[in-house]
Amino acid sequence: MKVKLEATPTTEGIKNALPAIDFLDTFSTTNHQDDIGVIANLVFGTMPKWVVALLKLRNTIVKAFGLQTEKPKDFNSNFKVGGYIGFFKIFSIQQNEIMMGADDKHLNFRVSIYNSHESEFNIKVTTLVQYNNRFGRIYMGLVKPFHHLVLKSIVRQAYKPGL
């Protein structure tokens, strides 16, 4: 197995990501060849075609509810705090963890990409969600089954077995 669902690590980034956590999960894979920036780009820099199609469908549906569907005005692809990887804004960059995410009216979310340096499954991709209202809770309830499929698929893109 290249990707597995596992317990969420306790990192400073995760502890300080959001004031409240209403949903979280962690998927892990193995990669000892690339630094954390390259890994973040492997996971979120490109998406499988079926994920892109699913996101387009999501955007078409949620646009009617006033949710964000376009690139933000401050979008840039610089690898620094305030830059973006895919559609996620970079909030912090540490040697072994990058914190990215977005805020919207229904929920705020963060994604931690953390290198635990374990021999296997060292790359931990953790999603953290804070609901801002009832719609955020309903939205996440509808998205959760797809979220697991999408995350597992995109985390797999960073898998690189040991040499």
Protein backbone atom coordinates (compact mmCIF):
# COMPACT_ATOMS: atom_id res chain seq x y z
CA MET A 1 0.00 0.00 0.00
CA LYS A 2 1.40 3.39 -1.00
CA VAL A 3 -1.01 5.57 0.98
CA LYS A 4 -2.73 4.94 4.28
CA LEU A 5 -5.14 6.73 6.60
CA GLU A 6 -3.59 7.17 10.02
CA ALA A 7 -3.61 9.10 13.28
CA THR A 8 -2.92 12.80 13.04
CA PRO A 9 0.58 13.83 14.13
CA THR A 10 1.02 16.48 16.82
CA THR A 11 3.03 19.25 15.22
CA GLU A 12 3.31 22.93 16.09
CA GLY A 13 1.74 23.79 12.74
CA ILE A 14 -1.27 21.56 13.34
CA LYS A 15 -1.69 22.74 16.95
CA ASN A 16 -1.74 26.38 15.82
CA ALA A 17 -3.54 26.02 12.47
CA LEU A 18 -7.08 27.04 13.43
CA PRO A 19 -8.85 28.17 16.61
CA ALA A 20 -11.19 25.15 16.48
CA ILE A 21 -11.03 21.84 14.60
CA ASP A 22 -14.34 20.29 13.54
CA PHE A 23 -12.92 17.73 11.11
CA LEU A 24 -9.47 16.28 10.53
CA ASP A 25 -7.82 13.37 8.84
CA THR A 26 -4.32 12.33 7.86
CA PHE A 27 -3.08 10.32 4.91
CA SER A 28 0.54 9.28 4.65
CA THR A 29 2.98 8.00 2.06
CA THR A 30 6.71 7.43 1.74
CA ASN A 31 9.20 9.82 0.17
CA HIS A 32 12.78 10.25 1.39
CA GLN A 33 14.08 11.62 -1.91
CA ASP A 34 12.49 15.07 -2.08
CA ASP A 35 12.38 18.08 0.21
CA ILE A 36 9.10 19.26 1.71
CA GLY A 37 8.57 21.93 -0.99
CA VAL A 38 8.91 19.43 -3.82
CA ILE A 39 6.60 17.04 -1.98
CA ALA A 40 3.97 19.77 -1.53
CA ASN A 41 4.09 20.40 -5.28
CA LEU A 42 3.87 16.68 -6.04
CA VAL A 43 0.71 16.45 -3.91
CA PHE A 44 -1.07 19.72 -4.73
CA GLY A 45 0.71 21.19 -7.78
CA THR A 46 -1.05 18.92 -10.27
CA MET A 47 -4.25 16.97 -9.99
CA PRO A 48 -5.39 13.79 -11.74
CA LYS A 49 -7.87 14.51 -14.55
CA TRP A 50 -10.78 12.95 -12.67
CA VAL A 51 -10.07 15.21 -9.66
CA VAL A 52 -9.99 18.29 -11.91
CA ALA A 53 -13.36 17.25 -13.35
CA LEU A 54 -14.79 16.74 -9.85
CA LEU A 55 -13.52 20.17 -8.75
CA LYS A 56 -15.10 21.80 -11.80
CA LEU A 57 -18.41 20.17 -10.92
CA ARG A 58 -18.03 21.32 -7.30
CA ASN A 59 -17.32 24.89 -8.43
CA THR A 60 -20.35 24.94 -10.71
CA ILE A 61 -22.59 23.80 -7.86
CA VAL A 62 -21.22 25.97 -5.03
CA LYS A 63 -21.01 29.16 -7.09
CA ALA A 64 -24.78 29.51 -6.59
CA PHE A 65 -24.13 29.60 -2.80
CA GLY A 66 -21.53 32.38 -3.11
CA LEU A 67 -18.52 30.22 -2.26
CA GLN A 68 -15.08 30.93 -3.69
CA THR A 69 -14.54 29.31 -7.07
CA GLU A 70 -11.96 31.58 -8.73
CA LYS A 71 -8.29 32.15 -8.03
CA PRO A 72 -7.86 34.82 -5.33
CA LYS A 73 -6.69 38.29 -6.34
CA ASP A 74 -3.39 37.77 -4.51
CA PHE A 75 -2.67 34.48 -6.35
CA ASN A 76 1.00 33.88 -7.15
CA SER A 77 3.04 30.73 -7.51
CA ASN A 78 6.04 31.88 -5.46
CA PHE A 79 7.20 29.27 -2.97
CA LYS A 80 7.00 31.52 0.08
CA VAL A 81 4.47 32.48 2.73
CA GLY A 82 1.63 34.17 0.85
CA GLY A 83 2.32 32.21 -2.34
CA TYR A 84 0.20 29.34 -3.59
CA ILE A 85 0.67 25.68 -4.41
CA GLY A 86 -2.23 24.68 -6.60
CA PHE A 87 -5.15 26.59 -5.14
CA PHE A 88 -3.85 26.53 -1.54
CA LYS A 89 -2.28 29.62 0.01
CA ILE A 90 0.95 28.97 1.94
CA PHE A 91 0.58 30.08 5.57
CA SER A 92 3.91 28.80 6.92
CA ILE A 93 7.03 26.99 5.76
CA GLN A 94 9.21 25.09 8.22
CA GLN A 95 12.03 22.65 7.51
CA ASN A 96 9.73 19.63 7.95
CA GLU A 97 6.21 21.12 7.59
CA ILE A 98 4.27 23.36 5.25
CA MET A 99 0.87 24.74 6.25
CA MET A 100 -1.49 25.75 3.46
CA GLY A 101 -5.20 26.39 3.13
CA ALA A 102 -8.01 28.84 2.51
CA ASP A 103 -10.79 30.64 4.34
CA ASP A 104 -14.34 30.99 3.02
CA LYS A 105 -17.66 32.04 4.50
CA HIS A 106 -18.77 28.46 5.23
CA LEU A 107 -15.51 27.00 6.56
CA ASN A 108 -11.79 27.54 6.98
CA PHE A 109 -9.36 24.76 6.22
CA ARG A 110 -5.69 24.06 6.48
CA VAL A 111 -3.53 21.30 5.05
CA SER A 112 -0.32 20.31 6.77
CA ILE A 113 2.35 18.47 4.81
CA TYR A 114 4.75 17.10 7.39
CA ASN A 115 7.87 14.93 7.11
CA SER A 116 8.17 12.77 10.23
CA HIS A 117 11.40 11.15 8.94
CA GLU A 118 10.06 7.67 9.79
CA SER A 119 11.38 4.84 7.61
CA GLU A 120 7.97 4.31 5.96
CA PHE A 121 4.93 6.55 5.59
CA ASN A 122 7.00 9.58 6.62
CA ILE A 123 4.97 12.12 4.63
CA LYS A 124 1.80 13.05 6.53
CA VAL A 125 -0.87 15.11 4.77
CA THR A 126 -3.37 16.35 7.33
CA THR A 127 -6.60 18.19 6.53
CA LEU A 128 -8.05 20.42 9.26
CA VAL A 129 -11.46 22.05 8.93
CA GLN A 130 -13.22 24.65 11.05
CA TYR A 131 -16.91 25.17 10.32
CA ASN A 132 -18.00 28.81 10.26
CA ASN A 133 -21.72 28.04 10.18
CA ARG A 134 -24.26 25.28 9.65
CA PHE A 135 -23.70 25.36 5.90
CA GLY A 136 -20.03 24.48 6.51
CA ARG A 137 -21.08 21.40 8.46
CA ILE A 138 -23.57 20.34 5.76
CA TYR A 139 -21.04 21.04 3.00
CA MET A 140 -18.36 18.92 4.70
CA GLY A 141 -20.87 16.11 5.27
CA LEU A 142 -21.55 16.00 1.54
CA VAL A 143 -17.89 16.37 0.53
CA LYS A 144 -16.32 13.94 3.03
CA PRO A 145 -16.70 10.73 0.96
CA PHE A 146 -15.12 12.42 -2.05
CA HIS A 147 -12.49 14.10 0.12
CA HIS A 148 -11.09 10.72 1.18
CA LEU A 149 -10.91 9.46 -2.42
CA VAL A 150 -9.33 12.68 -3.68
CA LEU A 151 -6.78 12.97 -0.87
CA LYS A 152 -5.71 9.37 -1.17
CA SER A 153 -5.25 9.81 -4.91
CA ILE A 154 -3.27 13.04 -4.76
CA VAL A 155 -1.09 11.95 -1.82
CA ARG A 156 -0.18 8.89 -3.91
CA GLN A 157 1.49 11.31 -6.39
CA ALA A 158 4.25 11.94 -3.81
CA TYR A 159 5.03 8.26 -3.23
CA LYS A 160 8.67 7.36 -3.89
CA PRO A 161 9.87 4.08 -2.44
CA GLY A 162 13.32 3.89 -0.85
CA LEU A 163 16.36 3.47 -3.05
